[in-house]
């Protein structure tokens, strides 16, 4: 694969990817256990909390799924950034003129 970003950008991509994976995995786990602190992030109206608890459960489940999908995308970005970092530190072949 061709190199398309430098060592600084690939390092930044690795750091941001690791942070995104950690944060979104934790948030996905908290949505999965239906954390009360994240109730404002669930897209359900206040009336539905009392009247339709199954709707609230499915909204929490959907938010957890969304977080885990995004964490998976960050894993792909981590792999791409690590590959670019490897290409940047790999020694260049010497070509005699």
C-alpha atoms as a PDB file:
ATOM      1  CA  UNK A   1       0.000   0.000   0.000  1.00  0.00           C
ATOM      2  CA  UNK A   2       1.200   3.480  -0.773  1.00  0.00           C
ATOM      3  CA  UNK A   3       2.138   5.956   1.919  1.00  0.00           C
ATOM      4  CA  UNK A   4      -0.321   8.868   2.014  1.00  0.00           C
ATOM      5  CA  UNK A   5       0.304  10.425   5.418  1.00  0.00           C
ATOM      6  CA  UNK A   6       3.418  11.299   7.344  1.00  0.00           C
ATOM      7  CA  UNK A   7       4.659  10.071  10.703  1.00  0.00           C
ATOM      8  CA  UNK A   8       3.005  12.853  12.710  1.00  0.00           C
ATOM      9  CA  UNK A   9      -0.438  12.318  11.192  1.00  0.00           C
ATOM     10  CA  UNK A  10      -0.211   8.553  11.585  1.00  0.00           C
ATOM     11  CA  UNK A  11       0.809   8.962  15.247  1.00  0.00           C
ATOM     12  CA  UNK A  12      -2.111  11.319  15.801  1.00  0.00           C
ATOM     13  CA  UNK A  13      -4.426   8.785  14.132  1.00  0.00           C
ATOM     14  CA  UNK A  14      -3.204   6.033  16.442  1.00  0.00           C
ATOM     15  CA  UNK A  15      -3.693   8.144  19.575  1.00  0.00           C
ATOM     16  CA  UNK A  16      -7.157   9.329  18.523  1.00  0.00           C
ATOM     17  CA  UNK A  17      -8.179   5.790  17.557  1.00  0.00           C
ATOM     18  CA  UNK A  18      -7.124   4.308  20.879  1.00  0.00           C
ATOM     19  CA  UNK A  19      -8.984   7.047  22.747  1.00  0.00           C
ATOM     20  CA  UNK A  20     -12.099   6.570  20.588  1.00  0.00           C
ATOM     21  CA  UNK A  21     -12.085   2.800  21.074  1.00  0.00           C
ATOM     22  CA  UNK A  22     -11.788   3.109  24.857  1.00  0.00           C
ATOM     23  CA  UNK A  23     -14.420   5.829  25.185  1.00  0.00           C
ATOM     24  CA  UNK A  24     -16.986   4.253  22.865  1.00  0.00           C
ATOM     25  CA  UNK A  25     -16.520   0.769  24.321  1.00  0.00           C
ATOM     26  CA  UNK A  26     -17.149   2.119  27.825  1.00  0.00           C
ATOM     27  CA  UNK A  27     -20.147   4.140  26.660  1.00  0.00           C
ATOM     28  CA  UNK A  28     -21.537   1.100  24.833  1.00  0.00           C
ATOM     29  CA  UNK A  29     -21.200  -0.987  27.987  1.00  0.00           C
ATOM     30  CA  UNK A  30     -22.923   1.710  30.054  1.00  0.00           C
ATOM     31  CA  UNK A  31     -25.786   1.948  27.567  1.00  0.00           C
ATOM     32  CA  UNK A  32     -26.030  -1.854  27.591  1.00  0.00           C
ATOM     33  CA  UNK A  33     -26.526  -1.910  31.379  1.00  0.00           C
ATOM     34  CA  UNK A  34     -28.981   1.023  31.055  1.00  0.00           C
ATOM     35  CA  UNK A  35     -27.014   3.555  33.091  1.00  0.00           C
ATOM     36  CA  UNK A  36     -29.253   6.246  34.562  1.00  0.00           C
ATOM     37  CA  UNK A  37     -26.578   8.900  33.959  1.00  0.00           C
ATOM     38  CA  UNK A  38     -27.011   8.471  30.197  1.00  0.00           C
ATOM     39  CA  UNK A  39     -30.800   8.799  30.202  1.00  0.00           C
ATOM     40  CA  UNK A  40     -30.623  12.230  28.541  1.00  0.00           C
ATOM     41  CA  UNK A  41     -28.742  10.728  25.597  1.00  0.00           C
ATOM     42  CA  UNK A  42     -31.525   8.262  24.819  1.00  0.00           C
ATOM     43  CA  UNK A  43     -33.945   9.629  22.247  1.00  0.00           C
ATOM     44  CA  UNK A  44     -37.201   8.925  24.088  1.00  0.00           C
ATOM     45  CA  UNK A  45     -39.699  11.501  25.327  1.00  0.00           C
ATOM     46  CA  UNK A  46     -40.478  11.889  29.027  1.00  0.00           C
ATOM     47  CA  UNK A  47     -43.983  10.472  28.656  1.00  0.00           C
ATOM     48  CA  UNK A  48     -42.612   7.271  27.136  1.00  0.00           C
ATOM     49  CA  UNK A  49     -40.430   6.588  30.175  1.00  0.00           C
ATOM     50  CA  UNK A  50     -43.500   5.965  32.301  1.00  0.00           C
ATOM     51  CA  UNK A  51     -45.835   4.555  29.655  1.00  0.00           C
ATOM     52  CA  UNK A  52     -43.563   2.447  27.429  1.00  0.00           C
ATOM     53  CA  UNK A  53     -40.603   0.912  29.280  1.00  0.00           C
ATOM     54  CA  UNK A  54     -39.983  -1.509  26.398  1.00  0.00           C
ATOM     55  CA  UNK A  55     -39.402   1.474  24.093  1.00  0.00           C
ATOM     56  CA  UNK A  56     -36.820   2.826  26.539  1.00  0.00           C
ATOM     57  CA  UNK A  57     -35.065  -0.555  26.671  1.00  0.00           C
ATOM     58  CA  UNK A  58     -34.872  -0.758  22.887  1.00  0.00           C
ATOM     59  CA  UNK A  59     -33.535   2.828  22.723  1.00  0.00           C
ATOM     60  CA  UNK A  60     -30.774   1.955  25.208  1.00  0.00           C
ATOM     61  CA  UNK A  61     -29.962  -1.174  23.198  1.00  0.00           C
ATOM     62  CA  UNK A  62     -29.793   0.832  19.953  1.00  0.00           C
ATOM     63  CA  UNK A  63     -27.467   3.412  21.519  1.00  0.00           C
ATOM     64  CA  UNK A  64     -25.184   0.635  22.804  1.00  0.00           C
ATOM     65  CA  UNK A  65     -25.123  -0.925  19.334  1.00  0.00           C
ATOM     66  CA  UNK A  66     -24.292   2.453  17.757  1.00  0.00           C
ATOM     67  CA  UNK A  67     -21.378   2.960  20.168  1.00  0.00           C
ATOM     68  CA  UNK A  68     -19.972  -0.491  19.442  1.00  0.00           C
ATOM     69  CA  UNK A  69     -20.227   0.009  15.672  1.00  0.00           C
ATOM     70  CA  UNK A  70     -18.353   3.302  15.974  1.00  0.00           C
ATOM     71  CA  UNK A  71     -15.710   1.624  18.144  1.00  0.00           C
ATOM     72  CA  UNK A  72     -15.294  -0.937  15.365  1.00  0.00           C
ATOM     73  CA  UNK A  73     -14.773   1.861  12.848  1.00  0.00           C
ATOM     74  CA  UNK A  74     -12.096   3.275  15.134  1.00  0.00           C
ATOM     75  CA  UNK A  75     -10.416  -0.158  15.143  1.00  0.00           C
ATOM     76  CA  UNK A  76     -10.211   0.036  11.343  1.00  0.00           C
ATOM     77  CA  UNK A  77      -8.775   3.547  11.575  1.00  0.00           C
ATOM     78  CA  UNK A  78      -6.239   2.294  14.126  1.00  0.00           C
ATOM     79  CA  UNK A  79      -5.140  -0.455  11.736  1.00  0.00           C
ATOM     80  CA  UNK A  80      -4.804   2.028   8.875  1.00  0.00           C
ATOM     81  CA  UNK A  81      -2.832   4.492  11.012  1.00  0.00           C
ATOM     82  CA  UNK A  82      -0.551   1.736  12.317  1.00  0.00           C
ATOM     83  CA  UNK A  83       0.094   0.555   8.764  1.00  0.00           C
ATOM     84  CA  UNK A  84       0.989   4.097   7.716  1.00  0.00           C
ATOM     85  CA  UNK A  85       3.265   4.438  10.754  1.00  0.00           C
ATOM     86  CA  UNK A  86       4.992   1.200   9.769  1.00  0.00           C
ATOM     87  CA  UNK A  87       5.505   2.481   6.221  1.00  0.00           C
ATOM     88  CA  UNK A  88       6.976   5.720   7.569  1.00  0.00           C
ATOM     89  CA  UNK A  89       9.534   4.054   9.839  1.00  0.00           C
ATOM     90  CA  UNK A  90      10.458   1.280   7.393  1.00  0.00           C
ATOM     91  CA  UNK A  91      13.900   1.935   5.882  1.00  0.00           C
ATOM     92  CA  UNK A  92      13.837   3.222   2.330  1.00  0.00           C
ATOM     93  CA  UNK A  93      15.575   1.030  -0.268  1.00  0.00           C
ATOM     94  CA  UNK A  94      18.858   2.422  -1.533  1.00  0.00           C
ATOM     95  CA  UNK A  95      18.879   2.963  -5.281  1.00  0.00           C
ATOM     96  CA  UNK A  96      22.286   3.508  -6.873  1.00  0.00           C
ATOM     97  CA  UNK A  97      22.387   6.167  -9.558  1.00  0.00           C
END
